[in-house]
């Protein structure tokens, strides 16, 4: 009697699916499927230029509030944030202690926060 090695034979049905050519064939077909996809740009790139008016208006409002600060607080904030000086350098320029410089900066920034917040609510 001849035994068939076809798909209905018991030896074929107990064979694991992950072994042999079947596994590599299935993964290859999966890879081929993804290779057929060609990416396309559905959205045009954004070529608009940013509007600088809002940033300019905010900067102008901030400078208007800085002008209202007391002379020492204004000097500390300008030297620290516009000139890039350290607290020691500012203390040397103003002729006071570093802790005094930090106090002026703290109080000046607190006043600016309050004024800018109230201007924003108006």
PDB file of N, CA and C in Angstrom:
ATOM      1  N   UNK A   1       0.830  -1.183   0.000  1.00  0.00           N
ATOM      2  CA  UNK A   1       0.000   0.000   0.000  1.00  0.00           C
ATOM      3  C   UNK A   1       0.873   1.244   0.000  1.00  0.00           C
ATOM      4  N   UNK A   2       0.509   2.194  -0.841  1.00  0.00           N
ATOM      5  CA  UNK A   2       1.247   3.435  -0.919  1.00  0.00           C
ATOM      6  C   UNK A   2       0.641   4.473   0.018  1.00  0.00           C
ATOM      7  N   UNK A   3       1.487   5.180   0.673  1.00  0.00           N
ATOM      8  CA  UNK A   3       0.988   6.268   1.515  1.00  0.00           C
ATOM      9  C   UNK A   3       1.244   7.585   0.808  1.00  0.00           C
ATOM     10  N   UNK A   4       0.312   8.391   0.855  1.00  0.00           N
ATOM     11  CA  UNK A   4       0.398   9.673   0.186  1.00  0.00           C
ATOM     12  C   UNK A   4       0.981  10.704   1.151  1.00  0.00           C
ATOM     13  N   UNK A   5       1.778  11.594   0.648  1.00  0.00           N
ATOM     14  CA  UNK A   5       2.340  12.665   1.471  1.00  0.00           C
ATOM     15  C   UNK A   5       1.596  13.958   1.223  1.00  0.00           C
ATOM     16  N   UNK A   6       0.339  13.852   0.843  1.00  0.00           N
ATOM     17  CA  UNK A   6      -0.463  15.014   0.511  1.00  0.00           C
ATOM     18  C   UNK A   6      -0.942  15.756   1.739  1.00  0.00           C
ATOM     19  N   UNK A   7      -1.774  16.759   1.560  1.00  0.00           N
ATOM     20  CA  UNK A   7      -2.229  17.596   2.661  1.00  0.00           C
ATOM     21  C   UNK A   7      -3.110  16.872   3.666  1.00  0.00           C
ATOM     22  N   UNK A   8      -3.653  15.714   3.305  1.00  0.00           N
ATOM     23  CA  UNK A   8      -4.529  15.018   4.236  1.00  0.00           C
ATOM     24  C   UNK A   8      -3.796  13.958   5.051  1.00  0.00           C
ATOM     25  N   UNK A   9      -2.531  13.785   4.812  1.00  0.00           N
ATOM     26  CA  UNK A   9      -1.829  12.741   5.546  1.00  0.00           C
ATOM     27  C   UNK A   9      -1.592  13.189   6.975  1.00  0.00           C
ATOM     28  N   UNK A  10      -1.584  12.240   7.922  1.00  0.00           N
ATOM     29  CA  UNK A  10      -1.390  12.608   9.315  1.00  0.00           C
ATOM     30  C   UNK A  10      -0.049  13.267   9.572  1.00  0.00           C
ATOM     31  N   UNK A  11       0.976  12.861   8.857  1.00  0.00           N
ATOM     32  CA  UNK A  11       2.290  13.426   9.072  1.00  0.00           C
ATOM     33  C   UNK A  11       2.313  14.912   8.678  1.00  0.00           C
ATOM     34  N   UNK A  12       1.612  15.267   7.617  1.00  0.00           N
ATOM     35  CA  UNK A  12       1.555  16.658   7.157  1.00  0.00           C
ATOM     36  C   UNK A  12       0.754  17.535   8.128  1.00  0.00           C
ATOM     37  N   UNK A  13      -0.356  17.000   8.660  1.00  0.00           N
ATOM     38  CA  UNK A  13      -1.218  17.803   9.518  1.00  0.00           C
ATOM     39  C   UNK A  13      -0.595  18.070  10.881  1.00  0.00           C
ATOM     40  N   UNK A  14       0.331  17.237  11.323  1.00  0.00           N
ATOM     41  CA  UNK A  14       0.960  17.472  12.624  1.00  0.00           C
ATOM     42  C   UNK A  14       2.193  18.347  12.503  1.00  0.00           C
ATOM     43  N   UNK A  15       2.543  18.709  11.327  1.00  0.00           N
ATOM     44  CA  UNK A  15       3.718  19.532  11.118  1.00  0.00           C
ATOM     45  C   UNK A  15       3.460  20.946  11.663  1.00  0.00           C
ATOM     46  N   UNK A  16       4.449  21.527  12.271  1.00  0.00           N
ATOM     47  CA  UNK A  16       4.281  22.869  12.840  1.00  0.00           C
ATOM     48  C   UNK A  16       4.284  23.924  11.740  1.00  0.00           C
ATOM     49  N   UNK A  17       3.498  24.917  11.917  1.00  0.00           N
ATOM     50  CA  UNK A  17       3.378  25.954  10.889  1.00  0.00           C
ATOM     51  C   UNK A  17       4.616  26.845  10.817  1.00  0.00           C
ATOM     52  N   UNK A  18       5.340  26.979  11.884  1.00  0.00           N
ATOM     53  CA  UNK A  18       6.469  27.901  11.891  1.00  0.00           C
ATOM     54  C   UNK A  18       7.731  27.285  11.339  1.00  0.00           C
ATOM     55  N   UNK A  19       7.704  26.018  10.969  1.00  0.00           N
ATOM     56  CA  UNK A  19       8.916  25.397  10.464  1.00  0.00           C
ATOM     57  C   UNK A  19       8.933  25.410   8.951  1.00  0.00           C
ATOM     58  N   UNK A  20      10.137  25.346   8.411  1.00  0.00           N
ATOM     59  CA  UNK A  20      10.296  25.142   6.990  1.00  0.00           C
ATOM     60  C   UNK A  20       9.961  26.346   6.132  1.00  0.00           C
ATOM     61  N   UNK A  21       9.650  26.051   4.889  1.00  0.00           N
ATOM     62  CA  UNK A  21       9.439  27.083   3.885  1.00  0.00           C
ATOM     63  C   UNK A  21       8.151  27.860   4.102  1.00  0.00           C
ATOM     64  N   UNK A  22       7.174  27.274   4.750  1.00  0.00           N
ATOM     65  CA  UNK A  22       5.900  27.969   4.951  1.00  0.00           C
ATOM     66  C   UNK A  22       6.101  29.248   5.737  1.00  0.00           C
ATOM     67  N   UNK A  23       6.931  29.179   6.782  1.00  0.00           N
ATOM     68  CA  UNK A  23       7.161  30.341   7.619  1.00  0.00           C
ATOM     69  C   UNK A  23       7.869  31.439   6.837  1.00  0.00           C
ATOM     70  N   UNK A  24       8.917  31.092   6.115  1.00  0.00           N
ATOM     71  CA  UNK A  24       9.639  32.127   5.385  1.00  0.00           C
ATOM     72  C   UNK A  24       8.800  32.687   4.245  1.00  0.00           C
ATOM     73  N   UNK A  25       7.934  31.874   3.661  1.00  0.00           N
ATOM     74  CA  UNK A  25       7.071  32.347   2.589  1.00  0.00           C
ATOM     75  C   UNK A  25       6.063  33.360   3.127  1.00  0.00           C
ATOM     76  N   UNK A  26       5.491  33.072   4.310  1.00  0.00           N
ATOM     77  CA  UNK A  26       4.497  33.999   4.850  1.00  0.00           C
ATOM     78  C   UNK A  26       5.121  35.321   5.242  1.00  0.00           C
ATOM     79  N   UNK A  27       6.307  35.288   5.807  1.00  0.00           N
ATOM     80  CA  UNK A  27       6.930  36.549   6.186  1.00  0.00           C
ATOM     81  C   UNK A  27       7.377  37.323   4.955  1.00  0.00           C
ATOM     82  N   UNK A  28       7.782  36.600   3.914  1.00  0.00           N
ATOM     83  CA  UNK A  28       8.179  37.296   2.690  1.00  0.00           C
ATOM     84  C   UNK A  28       6.978  37.987   2.047  1.00  0.00           C
ATOM     85  N   UNK A  29       5.838  37.298   2.053  1.00  0.00           N
ATOM     86  CA  UNK A  29       4.669  37.933   1.463  1.00  0.00           C
ATOM     87  C   UNK A  29       4.247  39.146   2.276  1.00  0.00           C
ATOM     88  N   UNK A  30       4.451  39.078   3.590  1.00  0.00           N
ATOM     89  CA  UNK A  30       4.145  40.239   4.429  1.00  0.00           C
ATOM     90  C   UNK A  30       5.080  41.386   4.087  1.00  0.00           C
ATOM     91  N   UNK A  31       6.344  41.067   3.912  1.00  0.00           N
ATOM     92  CA  UNK A  31       7.304  42.110   3.560  1.00  0.00           C
ATOM     93  C   UNK A  31       6.991  42.693   2.188  1.00  0.00           C
ATOM     94  N   UNK A  32       6.644  41.844   1.258  1.00  0.00           N
ATOM     95  CA  UNK A  32       6.314  42.328  -0.075  1.00  0.00           C
ATOM     96  C   UNK A  32       5.093  43.242  -0.042  1.00  0.00           C
ATOM     97  N   UNK A  33       4.145  42.929   0.848  1.00  0.00           N
ATOM     98  CA  UNK A  33       2.930  43.748   0.949  1.00  0.00           C
ATOM     99  C   UNK A  33       3.291  45.180   1.352  1.00  0.00           C
ATOM    100  N   UNK A  34       4.165  45.319   2.340  1.00  0.00           N
ATOM    101  CA  UNK A  34       4.537  46.655   2.790  1.00  0.00           C
ATOM    102  C   UNK A  34       5.411  47.368   1.777  1.00  0.00           C
ATOM    103  N   UNK A  35       6.122  46.601   0.981  1.00  0.00           N
ATOM    104  CA  UNK A  35       6.967  47.229  -0.030  1.00  0.00           C
ATOM    105  C   UNK A  35       6.129  47.859  -1.138  1.00  0.00           C
ATOM    106  N   UNK A  36       4.892  47.437  -1.298  1.00  0.00           N
ATOM    107  CA  UNK A  36       4.036  47.984  -2.340  1.00  0.00           C
ATOM    108  C   UNK A  36       3.454  49.337  -1.979  1.00  0.00           C
ATOM    109  N   UNK A  37       3.460  49.675  -0.703  1.00  0.00           N
ATOM    110  CA  UNK A  37       2.900  50.961  -0.286  1.00  0.00           C
ATOM    111  C   UNK A  37       3.899  52.068  -0.602  1.00  0.00           C
ATOM    112  N   UNK A  38       3.434  53.074  -1.298  1.00  0.00           N
ATOM    113  CA  UNK A  38       4.265  54.230  -1.616  1.00  0.00           C
ATOM    114  C   UNK A  38       3.713  55.415  -0.849  1.00  0.00           C
ATOM    115  N   UNK A  39       4.512  55.984   0.059  1.00  0.00           N
ATOM    116  CA  UNK A  39       4.004  57.117   0.840  1.00  0.00           C
ATOM    117  C   UNK A  39       3.790  58.341  -0.041  1.00  0.00           C
ATOM    118  N   UNK A  40       2.696  59.018   0.196  1.00  0.00           N
ATOM    119  CA  UNK A  40       2.365  60.229  -0.548  1.00  0.00           C
ATOM    120  C   UNK A  40       2.053  61.339   0.443  1.00  0.00           C
ATOM    121  N   UNK A  41       2.436  62.514   0.111  1.00  0.00           N
ATOM    122  CA  UNK A  41       2.152  63.665   0.950  1.00  0.00           C
ATOM    123  C   UNK A  41       0.733  64.132   0.679  1.00  0.00           C
ATOM    124  N   UNK A  42      -0.158  63.942   1.659  1.00  0.00           N
ATOM    125  CA  UNK A  42      -1.539  64.380   1.501  1.00  0.00           C
ATOM    126  C   UNK A  42      -1.703  65.860   1.810  1.00  0.00           C
ATOM    127  N   UNK A  43      -0.805  66.387   2.637  1.00  0.00           N
ATOM    128  CA  UNK A  43      -0.915  67.764   3.083  1.00  0.00           C
ATOM    129  C   UNK A  43       0.266  68.547   2.527  1.00  0.00           C
ATOM    130  N   UNK A  44      -0.007  69.694   2.023  1.00  0.00           N
ATOM    131  CA  UNK A  44       1.049  70.564   1.524  1.00  0.00           C
ATOM    132  C   UNK A  44       1.816  71.138   2.717  1.00  0.00           C
ATOM    133  N   UNK A  45       3.109  71.334   2.602  1.00  0.00           N
ATOM    134  CA  UNK A  45       3.862  71.930   3.704  1.00  0.00           C
ATOM    135  C   UNK A  45       3.405  73.360   3.973  1.00  0.00           C
ATOM    136  N   UNK A  46       3.464  73.739   5.233  1.00  0.00           N
ATOM    137  CA  UNK A  46       3.028  75.068   5.645  1.00  0.00           C
ATOM    138  C   UNK A  46       4.087  76.084   5.231  1.00  0.00           C
ATOM    139  N   UNK A  47       3.751  76.947   4.331  1.00  0.00           N
ATOM    140  CA  UNK A  47       4.701  77.937   3.831  1.00  0.00           C
ATOM    141  C   UNK A  47       4.374  79.349   4.312  1.00  0.00           C
ATOM    142  N   UNK A  48       3.424  79.463   5.224  1.00  0.00           N
ATOM    143  CA  UNK A  48       3.063  80.788   5.730  1.00  0.00           C
ATOM    144  C   UNK A  48       4.172  81.322   6.629  1.00  0.00           C
ATOM    145  N   UNK A  49       4.339  82.604   6.621  1.00  0.00           N
ATOM    146  CA  UNK A  49       5.323  83.260   7.471  1.00  0.00           C
ATOM    147  C   UNK A  49       4.666  83.620   8.803  1.00  0.00           C
ATOM    148  N   UNK A  50       5.378  83.457   9.915  1.00  0.00           N
ATOM    149  CA  UNK A  50       4.770  83.806  11.200  1.00  0.00           C
ATOM    150  C   UNK A  50       4.539  85.315  11.314  1.00  0.00           C
ATOM    151  N   UNK A  51       3.496  85.661  12.054  1.00  0.00           N
ATOM    152  CA  UNK A  51       3.161  87.061  12.268  1.00  0.00           C
ATOM    153  C   UNK A  51       3.903  87.540  13.511  1.00  0.00           C
ATOM    154  N   UNK A  52       4.736  88.539  13.350  1.00  0.00           N
ATOM    155  CA  UNK A  52       5.554  89.035  14.448  1.00  0.00           C
ATOM    156  C   UNK A  52       4.882  90.175  15.210  1.00  0.00           C
ATOM    157  N   UNK A  53       3.705  90.555  14.823  1.00  0.00           N
ATOM    158  CA  UNK A  53       3.044  91.695  15.449  1.00  0.00           C
ATOM    159  C   UNK A  53       2.718  91.421  16.913  1.00  0.00           C
ATOM    160  N   UNK A  54       2.256  90.195  17.197  1.00  0.00           N
ATOM    161  CA  UNK A  54       1.892  89.879  18.577  1.00  0.00           C
ATOM    162  C   UNK A  54       3.118  89.875  19.495  1.00  0.00           C
ATOM    163  N   UNK A  55       4.217  89.306  19.029  1.00  0.00           N
ATOM    164  CA  UNK A  55       5.445  89.286  19.833  1.00  0.00           C
ATOM    165  C   UNK A  55       5.954  90.713  20.047  1.00  0.00           C
ATOM    166  N   UNK A  56       5.857  91.539  19.022  1.00  0.00           N
ATOM    167  CA  UNK A  56       6.299  92.929  19.143  1.00  0.00           C
ATOM    168  C   UNK A  56       5.417  93.698  20.132  1.00  0.00           C
ATOM    169  N   UNK A  57       4.126  93.455  20.094  1.00  0.00           N
ATOM    170  CA  UNK A  57       3.210  94.131  21.010  1.00  0.00           C
ATOM    171  C   UNK A  57       3.476  93.703  22.459  1.00  0.00           C
ATOM    172  N   UNK A  58       3.746  92.412  22.655  1.00  0.00           N
ATOM    173  CA  UNK A  58       4.033  91.928  24.012  1.00  0.00           C
ATOM    174  C   UNK A  58       5.333  92.523  24.538  1.00  0.00           C
ATOM    175  N   UNK A  59       6.334  92.601  23.685  1.00  0.00           N
ATOM    176  CA  UNK A  59       7.617  93.187  24.093  1.00  0.00           C
ATOM    177  C   UNK A  59       7.445  94.672  24.424  1.00  0.00           C
ATOM    178  N   UNK A  60       6.658  95.370  23.636  1.00  0.00           N
ATOM    179  CA  UNK A  60       6.419  96.797  23.900  1.00  0.00           C
ATOM    180  C   UNK A  60       5.696  96.997  25.225  1.00  0.00           C
ATOM    181  N   UNK A  61       4.720  96.120  25.501  1.00  0.00           N
ATOM    182  CA  UNK A  61       3.996  96.215  26.773  1.00  0.00           C
ATOM    183  C   UNK A  61       4.920  95.932  27.945  1.00  0.00           C
ATOM    184  N   UNK A  62       5.815  94.954  27.797  1.00  0.00           N
ATOM    185  CA  UNK A  62       6.756  94.634  28.869  1.00  0.00           C
ATOM    186  C   UNK A  62       7.708  95.793  29.125  1.00  0.00           C
ATOM    187  N   UNK A  63       8.228  96.382  28.065  1.00  0.00           N
ATOM    188  CA  UNK A  63       9.127  97.525  28.248  1.00  0.00           C
ATOM    189  C   UNK A  63       8.409  98.719  28.868  1.00  0.00           C
ATOM    190  N   UNK A  64       7.148  98.903  28.537  1.00  0.00           N
ATOM    191  CA  UNK A  64       6.380  99.995  29.155  1.00  0.00           C
ATOM    192  C   UNK A  64       6.224  99.764  30.652  1.00  0.00           C
ATOM    193  N   UNK A  65       6.079  98.516  31.058  1.00  0.00           N
ATOM    194  CA  UNK A  65       5.971  98.210  32.494  1.00  0.00           C
ATOM    195  C   UNK A  65       7.319  98.307  33.192  1.00  0.00           C
ATOM    196  N   UNK A  66       8.392  97.938  32.509  1.00  0.00           N
ATOM    197  CA  UNK A  66       9.737  98.040  33.109  1.00  0.00           C
ATOM    198  C   UNK A  66      10.064  99.498  33.402  1.00  0.00           C
ATOM    199  N   UNK A  67       9.640 100.400  32.530  1.00  0.00           N
ATOM    200  CA  UNK A  67       9.909 101.831  32.725  1.00  0.00           C
ATOM    201  C   UNK A  67       9.244 102.341  34.000  1.00  0.00           C
ATOM    202  N   UNK A  68       8.125 101.743  34.400  1.00  0.00           N
ATOM    203  CA  UNK A  68       7.389 102.191  35.590  1.00  0.00           C
ATOM    204  C   UNK A  68       8.029 101.728  36.896  1.00  0.00           C
ATOM    205  N   UNK A  69       8.976 100.791  36.834  1.00  0.00           N
ATOM    206  CA  UNK A  69       9.600 100.276  38.063  1.00  0.00           C
ATOM    207  C   UNK A  69      10.513 101.323  38.692  1.00  0.00           C
ATOM    208  N   UNK A  70      10.797 101.185  39.998  1.00  0.00           N
ATOM    209  CA  UNK A  70      11.784 102.068  40.633  1.00  0.00           C
ATOM    210  C   UNK A  70      13.156 101.914  39.960  1.00  0.00           C
ATOM    211  N   UNK A  71      13.965 102.958  40.085  1.00  0.00           N
ATOM    212  CA  UNK A  71      15.235 103.041  39.372  1.00  0.00           C
ATOM    213  C   UNK A  71      16.146 101.845  39.620  1.00  0.00           C
ATOM    214  N   UNK A  72      16.348 101.422  40.856  1.00  0.00           N
ATOM    215  CA  UNK A  72      17.246 100.300  41.186  1.00  0.00           C
ATOM    216  C   UNK A  72      16.713  98.975  40.652  1.00  0.00           C
ATOM    217  N   UNK A  73      15.436  98.726  40.809  1.00  0.00           N
ATOM    218  CA  UNK A  73      14.859  97.477  40.303  1.00  0.00           C
ATOM    219  C   UNK A  73      14.972  97.419  38.781  1.00  0.00           C
ATOM    220  N   UNK A  74      14.696  98.534  38.137  1.00  0.00           N
ATOM    221  CA  UNK A  74      14.806  98.594  36.679  1.00  0.00           C
ATOM    222  C   UNK A  74      16.246  98.348  36.235  1.00  0.00           C
ATOM    223  N   UNK A  75      17.200  98.945  36.928  1.00  0.00           N
ATOM    224  CA  UNK A  75      18.616  98.773  36.581  1.00  0.00           C
ATOM    225  C   UNK A  75      19.040  97.311  36.720  1.00  0.00           C
ATOM    226  N   UNK A  76      18.614  96.662  37.814  1.00  0.00           N
ATOM    227  CA  UNK A  76      18.971  95.263  38.024  1.00  0.00           C
ATOM    228  C   UNK A  76      18.390  94.374  36.927  1.00  0.00           C
ATOM    229  N   UNK A  77      17.121  94.576  36.587  1.00  0.00           N
ATOM    230  CA  UNK A  77      16.491  93.742  35.560  1.00  0.00           C
ATOM    231  C   UNK A  77      17.114  93.968  34.183  1.00  0.00           C
ATOM    232  N   UNK A  78      17.425  95.209  33.850  1.00  0.00           N
ATOM    233  CA  UNK A  78      18.037  95.499  32.550  1.00  0.00           C
ATOM    234  C   UNK A  78      19.437  94.899  32.489  1.00  0.00           C
ATOM    235  N   UNK A  79      20.215  95.055  33.550  1.00  0.00           N
ATOM    236  CA  UNK A  79      21.572  94.502  33.539  1.00  0.00           C
ATOM    237  C   UNK A  79      21.558  92.971  33.519  1.00  0.00           C
ATOM    238  N   UNK A  80      20.605  92.373  34.195  1.00  0.00           N
ATOM    239  CA  UNK A  80      20.564  90.911  34.258  1.00  0.00           C
ATOM    240  C   UNK A  80      20.046  90.300  32.959  1.00  0.00           C
ATOM    241  N   UNK A  81      18.923  90.788  32.459  1.00  0.00           N
ATOM    242  CA  UNK A  81      18.279  90.125  31.332  1.00  0.00           C
ATOM    243  C   UNK A  81      18.650  90.693  29.963  1.00  0.00           C
ATOM    244  N   UNK A  82      19.018  91.981  29.897  1.00  0.00           N
ATOM    245  CA  UNK A  82      19.368  92.548  28.603  1.00  0.00           C
ATOM    246  C   UNK A  82      20.876  92.579  28.372  1.00  0.00           C
ATOM    247  N   UNK A  83      21.642  92.775  29.447  1.00  0.00           N
ATOM    248  CA  UNK A  83      23.101  92.810  29.318  1.00  0.00           C
ATOM    249  C   UNK A  83      23.747  91.476  29.663  1.00  0.00           C
ATOM    250  N   UNK A  84      23.017  90.588  30.335  1.00  0.00           N
ATOM    251  CA  UNK A  84      23.528  89.248  30.647  1.00  0.00           C
ATOM    252  C   UNK A  84      24.553  89.217  31.770  1.00  0.00           C
ATOM    253  N   UNK A  85      24.505  90.164  32.671  1.00  0.00           N
ATOM    254  CA  UNK A  85      25.466  90.206  33.777  1.00  0.00           C
ATOM    255  C   UNK A  85      25.046  89.277  34.906  1.00  0.00           C
ATOM    256  N   UNK A  86      26.031  88.833  35.665  1.00  0.00           N
ATOM    257  CA  UNK A  86      25.751  88.018  36.847  1.00  0.00           C
ATOM    258  C   UNK A  86      25.425  88.936  38.023  1.00  0.00           C
ATOM    259  N   UNK A  87      24.959  88.328  39.116  1.00  0.00           N
ATOM    260  CA  UNK A  87      24.617  89.133  40.301  1.00  0.00           C
ATOM    261  C   UNK A  87      25.847  89.831  40.865  1.00  0.00           C
ATOM    262  N   UNK A  88      27.005  89.184  40.836  1.00  0.00           N
ATOM    263  CA  UNK A  88      28.233  89.798  41.351  1.00  0.00           C
ATOM    264  C   UNK A  88      28.621  91.019  40.508  1.00  0.00           C
ATOM    265  N   UNK A  89      28.505  90.898  39.199  1.00  0.00           N
ATOM    266  CA  UNK A  89      28.840  92.029  38.326  1.00  0.00           C
ATOM    267  C   UNK A  89      27.864  93.184  38.528  1.00  0.00           C
ATOM    268  N   UNK A  90      26.588  92.869  38.683  1.00  0.00           N
ATOM    269  CA  UNK A  90      25.581  93.917  38.903  1.00  0.00           C
ATOM    270  C   UNK A  90      25.842  94.610  40.234  1.00  0.00           C
ATOM    271  N   UNK A  91      26.182  93.830  41.257  1.00  0.00           N
ATOM    272  CA  UNK A  91      26.472  94.413  42.575  1.00  0.00           C
ATOM    273  C   UNK A  91      27.662  95.351  42.499  1.00  0.00           C
ATOM    274  N   UNK A  92      28.663  94.989  41.717  1.00  0.00           N
ATOM    275  CA  UNK A  92      29.841  95.842  41.569  1.00  0.00           C
ATOM    276  C   UNK A  92      29.481  97.142  40.845  1.00  0.00           C
ATOM    277  N   UNK A  93      28.658  97.044  39.793  1.00  0.00           N
ATOM    278  CA  UNK A  93      28.260  98.237  39.036  1.00  0.00           C
ATOM    279  C   UNK A  93      27.411  99.171  39.895  1.00  0.00           C
ATOM    280  N   UNK A  94      26.461  98.583  40.654  1.00  0.00           N
ATOM    281  CA  UNK A  94      25.552  99.408  41.458  1.00  0.00           C
ATOM    282  C   UNK A  94      26.125  99.787  42.821  1.00  0.00           C
ATOM    283  N   UNK A  95      27.205  99.142  43.238  1.00  0.00           N
ATOM    284  CA  UNK A  95      27.824  99.456  44.525  1.00  0.00           C
ATOM    285  C   UNK A  95      27.003  98.960  45.708  1.00  0.00           C
ATOM    286  N   UNK A  96      26.453  97.754  45.616  1.00  0.00           N
ATOM    287  CA  UNK A  96      25.687  97.180  46.717  1.00  0.00           C
ATOM    288  C   UNK A  96      26.019  95.685  46.829  1.00  0.00           C
ATOM    289  N   UNK A  97      25.421  95.010  47.797  1.00  0.00           N
ATOM    290  CA  UNK A  97      25.678  93.583  48.013  1.00  0.00           C
ATOM    291  C   UNK A  97      24.904  92.728  46.997  1.00  0.00           C
ATOM    292  N   UNK A  98      25.413  91.493  46.796  1.00  0.00           N
ATOM    293  CA  UNK A  98      24.728  90.573  45.869  1.00  0.00           C
ATOM    294  C   UNK A  98      23.328  90.234  46.352  1.00  0.00           C
ATOM    295  N   UNK A  99      23.160  90.109  47.664  1.00  0.00           N
ATOM    296  CA  UNK A  99      21.824  89.789  48.187  1.00  0.00           C
ATOM    297  C   UNK A  99      20.843  90.923  47.918  1.00  0.00           C
ATOM    298  N   UNK A 100      21.330  92.144  47.929  1.00  0.00           N
ATOM    299  CA  UNK A 100      20.487  93.292  47.615  1.00  0.00           C
ATOM    300  C   UNK A 100      20.058  93.235  46.146  1.00  0.00           C
ATOM    301  N   UNK A 101      20.981  92.841  45.271  1.00  0.00           N
ATOM    302  CA  UNK A 101      20.674  92.707  43.848  1.00  0.00           C
ATOM    303  C   UNK A 101      19.577  91.660  43.657  1.00  0.00           C
ATOM    304  N   UNK A 102      19.712  90.523  44.351  1.00  0.00           N
ATOM    305  CA  UNK A 102      18.693  89.470  44.237  1.00  0.00           C
ATOM    306  C   UNK A 102      17.341  89.943  44.750  1.00  0.00           C
ATOM    307  N   UNK A 103      17.345  90.740  45.820  1.00  0.00           N
ATOM    308  CA  UNK A 103      16.095  91.288  46.354  1.00  0.00           C
ATOM    309  C   UNK A 103      15.425  92.240  45.375  1.00  0.00           C
ATOM    310  N   UNK A 104      16.230  93.127  44.765  1.00  0.00           N
ATOM    311  CA  UNK A 104      15.684  94.038  43.750  1.00  0.00           C
ATOM    312  C   UNK A 104      15.092  93.263  42.573  1.00  0.00           C
ATOM    313  N   UNK A 105      15.804  92.230  42.151  1.00  0.00           N
ATOM    314  CA  UNK A 105      15.324  91.429  41.021  1.00  0.00           C
ATOM    315  C   UNK A 105      14.021  90.725  41.392  1.00  0.00           C
ATOM    316  N   UNK A 106      13.955  90.167  42.579  1.00  0.00           N
ATOM    317  CA  UNK A 106      12.751  89.464  43.008  1.00  0.00           C
ATOM    318  C   UNK A 106      11.553  90.401  43.049  1.00  0.00           C
ATOM    319  N   UNK A 107      11.730  91.560  43.689  1.00  0.00           N
ATOM    320  CA  UNK A 107      10.624  92.500  43.800  1.00  0.00           C
ATOM    321  C   UNK A 107      10.237  93.099  42.444  1.00  0.00           C
ATOM    322  N   UNK A 108      11.210  93.358  41.589  1.00  0.00           N
ATOM    323  CA  UNK A 108      10.918  93.892  40.262  1.00  0.00           C
ATOM    324  C   UNK A 108      10.146  92.889  39.410  1.00  0.00           C
ATOM    325  N   UNK A 109      10.559  91.614  39.440  1.00  0.00           N
ATOM    326  CA  UNK A 109       9.856  90.583  38.670  1.00  0.00           C
ATOM    327  C   UNK A 109       8.444  90.352  39.208  1.00  0.00           C
ATOM    328  N   UNK A 110       8.297  90.407  40.524  1.00  0.00           N
ATOM    329  CA  UNK A 110       6.965  90.244  41.115  1.00  0.00           C
ATOM    330  C   UNK A 110       6.039  91.375  40.672  1.00  0.00           C
ATOM    331  N   UNK A 111       6.550  92.601  40.659  1.00  0.00           N
ATOM    332  CA  UNK A 111       5.742  93.741  40.215  1.00  0.00           C
ATOM    333  C   UNK A 111       5.374  93.602  38.738  1.00  0.00           C
ATOM    334  N   UNK A 112       6.319  93.139  37.915  1.00  0.00           N
ATOM    335  CA  UNK A 112       6.034  92.945  36.488  1.00  0.00           C
ATOM    336  C   UNK A 112       4.978  91.866  36.272  1.00  0.00           C
ATOM    337  N   UNK A 113       5.069  90.775  37.056  1.00  0.00           N
ATOM    338  CA  UNK A 113       4.059  89.718  36.920  1.00  0.00           C
ATOM    339  C   UNK A 113       2.669  90.245  37.225  1.00  0.00           C
ATOM    340  N   UNK A 114       2.563  91.028  38.295  1.00  0.00           N
ATOM    341  CA  UNK A 114       1.260  91.573  38.691  1.00  0.00           C
ATOM    342  C   UNK A 114       0.729  92.528  37.614  1.00  0.00           C
ATOM    343  N   UNK A 115       1.567  93.394  37.116  1.00  0.00           N
ATOM    344  CA  UNK A 115       1.133  94.370  36.126  1.00  0.00           C
ATOM    345  C   UNK A 115       0.776  93.704  34.800  1.00  0.00           C
ATOM    346  N   UNK A 116       1.575  92.728  34.382  1.00  0.00           N
ATOM    347  CA  UNK A 116       1.300  92.056  33.116  1.00  0.00           C
ATOM    348  C   UNK A 116       0.026  91.215  33.210  1.00  0.00           C
ATOM    349  N   UNK A 117      -0.222  90.607  34.389  1.00  0.00           N
ATOM    350  CA  UNK A 117      -1.429  89.813  34.592  1.00  0.00           C
ATOM    351  C   UNK A 117      -2.658  90.726  34.555  1.00  0.00           C
ATOM    352  N   UNK A 118      -2.578  91.893  35.212  1.00  0.00           N
ATOM    353  CA  UNK A 118      -3.726  92.798  35.213  1.00  0.00           C
ATOM    354  C   UNK A 118      -3.966  93.383  33.815  1.00  0.00           C
ATOM    355  N   UNK A 119      -2.901  93.630  33.063  1.00  0.00           N
ATOM    356  CA  UNK A 119      -3.050  94.138  31.691  1.00  0.00           C
ATOM    357  C   UNK A 119      -3.667  93.068  30.794  1.00  0.00           C
ATOM    358  N   UNK A 120      -3.366  91.815  31.056  1.00  0.00           N
ATOM    359  CA  UNK A 120      -3.917  90.714  30.280  1.00  0.00           C
ATOM    360  C   UNK A 120      -5.417  90.542  30.535  1.00  0.00           C
ATOM    361  N   UNK A 121      -5.857  90.824  31.762  1.00  0.00           N
ATOM    362  CA  UNK A 121      -7.265  90.669  32.124  1.00  0.00           C
ATOM    363  C   UNK A 121      -8.130  91.799  31.580  1.00  0.00           C
ATOM    364  N   UNK A 122      -7.529  92.920  31.268  1.00  0.00           N
ATOM    365  CA  UNK A 122      -8.301  94.070  30.776  1.00  0.00           C
ATOM    366  C   UNK A 122      -8.850  93.849  29.422  1.00  0.00           C
TER     367      UNK A 122
END
